[in-house]
Protein backbone atom coordinates (compact mmCIF):
# COMPACT_ATOMS: atom_id res chain seq x y z
CA MET A 1 31.49 23.68 -18.55
CA SER A 2 32.14 23.76 -22.28
CA ILE A 3 30.36 21.61 -24.84
CA GLU A 4 33.59 19.67 -25.51
CA ILE A 5 33.85 18.57 -21.88
CA ILE A 6 30.19 17.58 -21.73
CA THR A 7 30.50 15.63 -24.97
CA PHE A 8 33.73 13.97 -23.69
CA ILE A 9 31.95 12.92 -20.43
CA ILE A 10 28.97 11.58 -22.34
CA LEU A 11 31.10 9.62 -24.84
CA GLY A 12 33.31 8.33 -22.05
CA ILE A 13 30.32 7.07 -20.06
CA ILE A 14 28.86 5.40 -23.22
CA GLY A 15 32.25 3.82 -24.03
CA LEU A 16 32.82 2.58 -20.45
CA ALA A 17 29.27 1.28 -20.08
CA SER A 18 29.36 -0.53 -23.45
CA ALA A 19 32.72 -2.10 -22.65
CA ILE A 20 31.54 -3.38 -19.26
CA LEU A 21 28.25 -4.67 -20.69
CA LEU A 22 30.13 -6.22 -23.53
CA VAL A 23 32.12 -8.40 -21.17
CA LEU A 24 29.17 -9.27 -18.94
CA GLN A 25 26.81 -10.14 -21.80
CA LYS A 26 26.04 -13.85 -22.25
CA ASN A 27 24.56 -13.59 -25.75
CA PRO A 28 27.36 -13.16 -28.36
CA VAL A 29 25.17 -11.22 -30.77
CA TYR A 30 24.43 -8.58 -28.14
CA SER A 31 28.14 -8.50 -27.31
CA ALA A 32 28.86 -7.75 -31.00
CA LEU A 33 26.32 -4.93 -30.95
CA LEU A 34 27.76 -3.45 -27.84
CA LEU A 35 31.25 -3.62 -29.40
CA ILE A 36 29.92 -1.59 -32.30
CA LEU A 37 28.55 1.00 -29.81
CA HIS A 38 31.94 1.10 -28.13
CA PHE A 39 33.68 1.68 -31.50
CA LEU A 40 31.31 4.53 -32.30
CA ALA A 41 31.97 6.17 -28.93
CA LEU A 42 35.69 5.80 -29.57
CA ALA A 43 35.27 7.45 -32.98
CA GLY A 44 33.45 10.32 -31.23
CA LEU A 45 36.42 10.71 -28.90
CA TYR A 46 38.76 10.79 -31.84
CA LEU A 47 36.66 13.62 -33.35
CA LEU A 48 36.99 15.57 -30.08
CA LEU A 49 40.76 15.19 -30.39
CA ASN A 50 40.66 16.65 -33.93
CA ALA A 51 41.69 13.30 -35.47
CA GLN A 52 39.06 13.15 -38.18
CA PHE A 53 40.93 10.57 -40.22
CA LEU A 54 41.19 8.15 -37.30
CA ALA A 55 37.54 8.64 -36.51
CA VAL A 56 36.47 7.75 -40.07
CA LEU A 57 38.87 4.77 -40.07
CA GLN A 58 37.46 3.64 -36.75
CA ILE A 59 33.98 3.57 -38.17
CA LEU A 60 34.81 2.07 -41.56
CA VAL A 61 37.37 -0.49 -40.58
CA TYR A 62 36.42 -1.56 -37.05
CA ALA A 63 32.71 -0.84 -36.72
CA GLY A 64 32.18 -1.93 -40.36
CA ALA A 65 34.53 -4.58 -41.65
CA ILE A 66 35.84 -6.22 -38.52
CA MET A 67 32.35 -6.40 -36.96
CA VAL A 68 31.01 -8.16 -40.09
CA LEU A 69 33.69 -10.80 -39.59
CA PHE A 70 32.84 -11.16 -35.93
CA VAL A 71 29.13 -11.62 -36.77
CA PHE A 72 30.01 -14.23 -39.40
CA VAL A 73 32.13 -16.15 -36.87
CA ILE A 74 29.32 -16.00 -34.34
CA MET A 75 26.85 -17.27 -36.91
CA LEU A 76 29.25 -20.05 -38.01
CA LEU A 77 29.99 -21.30 -34.55
CA ASN A 78 26.30 -21.61 -33.63
CA LEU A 79 26.88 -22.43 -29.99
CA GLN A 80 23.93 -24.50 -28.93
CA ASN A 81 25.28 -26.18 -25.79
CA GLU A 82 27.19 -23.46 -23.95
CA GLU A 83 26.88 -25.10 -20.55
CA SER A 84 29.25 -27.90 -21.48
CA LEU A 85 31.96 -25.38 -22.21
CA LYS A 86 32.00 -23.86 -18.69
CA ASP A 87 34.50 -24.95 -16.02
CA PRO A 88 33.22 -25.32 -12.45
CA PHE A 89 36.25 -23.59 -11.01
CA ASN A 90 37.74 -20.92 -13.19
CA LEU A 91 41.09 -19.65 -12.04
CA ARG A 92 41.22 -17.12 -14.93
CA LYS A 93 38.28 -15.18 -13.50
CA ILE A 94 39.91 -14.92 -10.15
CA ILE A 95 43.22 -13.75 -11.67
CA ALA A 96 41.42 -11.29 -13.93
CA THR A 97 39.48 -9.85 -11.01
CA VAL A 98 42.61 -9.39 -8.90
CA LEU A 99 44.51 -7.77 -11.75
CA GLY A 100 41.50 -5.48 -12.47
CA PHE A 101 41.53 -4.27 -8.84
CA VAL A 102 45.30 -3.69 -9.01
CA LEU A 103 44.86 -1.67 -12.18
CA LEU A 104 42.12 0.44 -10.59
CA LEU A 105 44.34 1.00 -7.56
CA GLN A 106 47.15 2.16 -9.84
CA PHE A 107 44.82 4.57 -11.68
CA GLY A 108 43.58 5.92 -8.35
CA VAL A 109 47.13 6.49 -7.04
CA PHE A 110 48.12 8.21 -10.26
CA PHE A 111 45.17 10.48 -10.69
CA PHE A 112 44.51 11.44 -7.09
CA ILE A 113 47.99 11.60 -5.66
CA LYS A 114 50.57 12.12 -8.39
CA ALA A 115 48.67 13.80 -11.22
CA LYS A 116 46.92 16.38 -9.08
CA ASP A 117 49.95 18.60 -8.73
CA ASP A 118 52.46 17.35 -11.28
CA LEU A 119 50.39 17.18 -14.41
CA ALA A 120 49.24 20.30 -16.20
CA ILE A 121 47.56 19.15 -19.38
CA GLN A 122 48.47 21.39 -22.25
CA PRO A 123 47.48 20.56 -25.81
CA SER A 124 50.24 20.31 -28.39
CA PRO A 125 50.53 23.42 -30.55
CA ASN A 126 50.07 21.42 -33.73
CA SER A 127 47.34 19.06 -32.43
CA ILE A 128 44.54 20.59 -34.55
CA GLU A 129 46.33 19.94 -37.84
CA ALA A 130 48.15 16.71 -36.89
CA GLY A 131 45.07 14.50 -37.19
CA SER A 132 43.57 16.13 -40.32
CA VAL A 133 43.26 14.21 -43.56
CA LYS A 134 45.33 16.88 -45.33
CA LYS A 135 48.29 16.54 -42.99
CA ILE A 136 48.19 12.69 -43.03
CA GLY A 137 48.00 12.78 -46.86
CA GLU A 138 50.96 15.09 -47.10
CA LEU A 139 53.04 12.86 -44.80
CA LEU A 140 51.86 9.67 -46.51
CA PHE A 141 52.84 10.81 -49.98
CA SER A 142 56.12 12.61 -49.09
CA VAL A 143 57.92 11.26 -46.04
CA TYR A 144 56.33 7.81 -45.96
CA LEU A 145 55.88 7.22 -49.70
CA ILE A 146 58.31 4.25 -49.95
CA PRO A 147 56.84 2.33 -46.94
CA PHE A 148 53.31 3.05 -48.30
CA GLU A 149 54.20 1.63 -51.73
CA VAL A 150 55.98 -1.39 -50.18
CA THR A 151 52.90 -2.12 -48.04
CA SER A 152 50.57 -1.83 -50.99
CA PHE A 153 52.82 -4.19 -53.01
CA LEU A 154 52.83 -6.78 -50.16
CA LEU A 155 49.05 -6.61 -49.97
CA LEU A 156 48.83 -7.13 -53.71
CA VAL A 157 51.16 -10.16 -53.48
CA GLY A 158 48.97 -11.58 -50.66
CA ILE A 159 45.80 -11.14 -52.71
CA ILE A 160 47.35 -12.82 -55.73
CA ALA A 161 48.63 -15.71 -53.56
CA ALA A 162 45.19 -16.20 -52.05
CA ILE A 163 43.62 -16.28 -55.54
CA VAL A 164 46.18 -18.82 -56.79
CA LEU A 165 45.75 -21.09 -53.76
CA ALA A 166 41.94 -20.91 -54.02
CA LYS A 167 42.06 -21.67 -57.72
CA ARG A 168 44.31 -24.65 -57.13
CA LYS A 169 42.04 -26.03 -54.45
CA PHE A 170 38.89 -25.90 -56.56
CA GLU A 171 40.36 -27.28 -59.76
């Protein structure tokens, strides 16, 4: 077995275990930490796919900025009495369990019956350069220049609107 396959298996196990423990965890702070671990495992999988830009974005945006927001929300909520929030009979858990088993059954049918003979996984010929920062930069500033500039303008308008509304509120 090659080092890429071993790394993929290890990152897959870490990602799967952290996702399962994230859902089963009762403490929201531990859930947030497990979500960070899952994001890091996902970033490692992006690196294995030669998508360096996506891996860096995964770490900076999700494991960094979004998780800071999650931790702030957890701290602001300060759930002291969690027992009063629980329902005695939760229909959503039953539906989620049934749908989870149906999804696992579909995966099993696909991978063990259909994909065994029909699917020969071949990498794309340009997969190594498609996820590189150089290729994304070339596309962003040539083909997608106008949508990129429109998006930056809309973000600027949103920031200015937020400042004006905040200034009006505190005057």
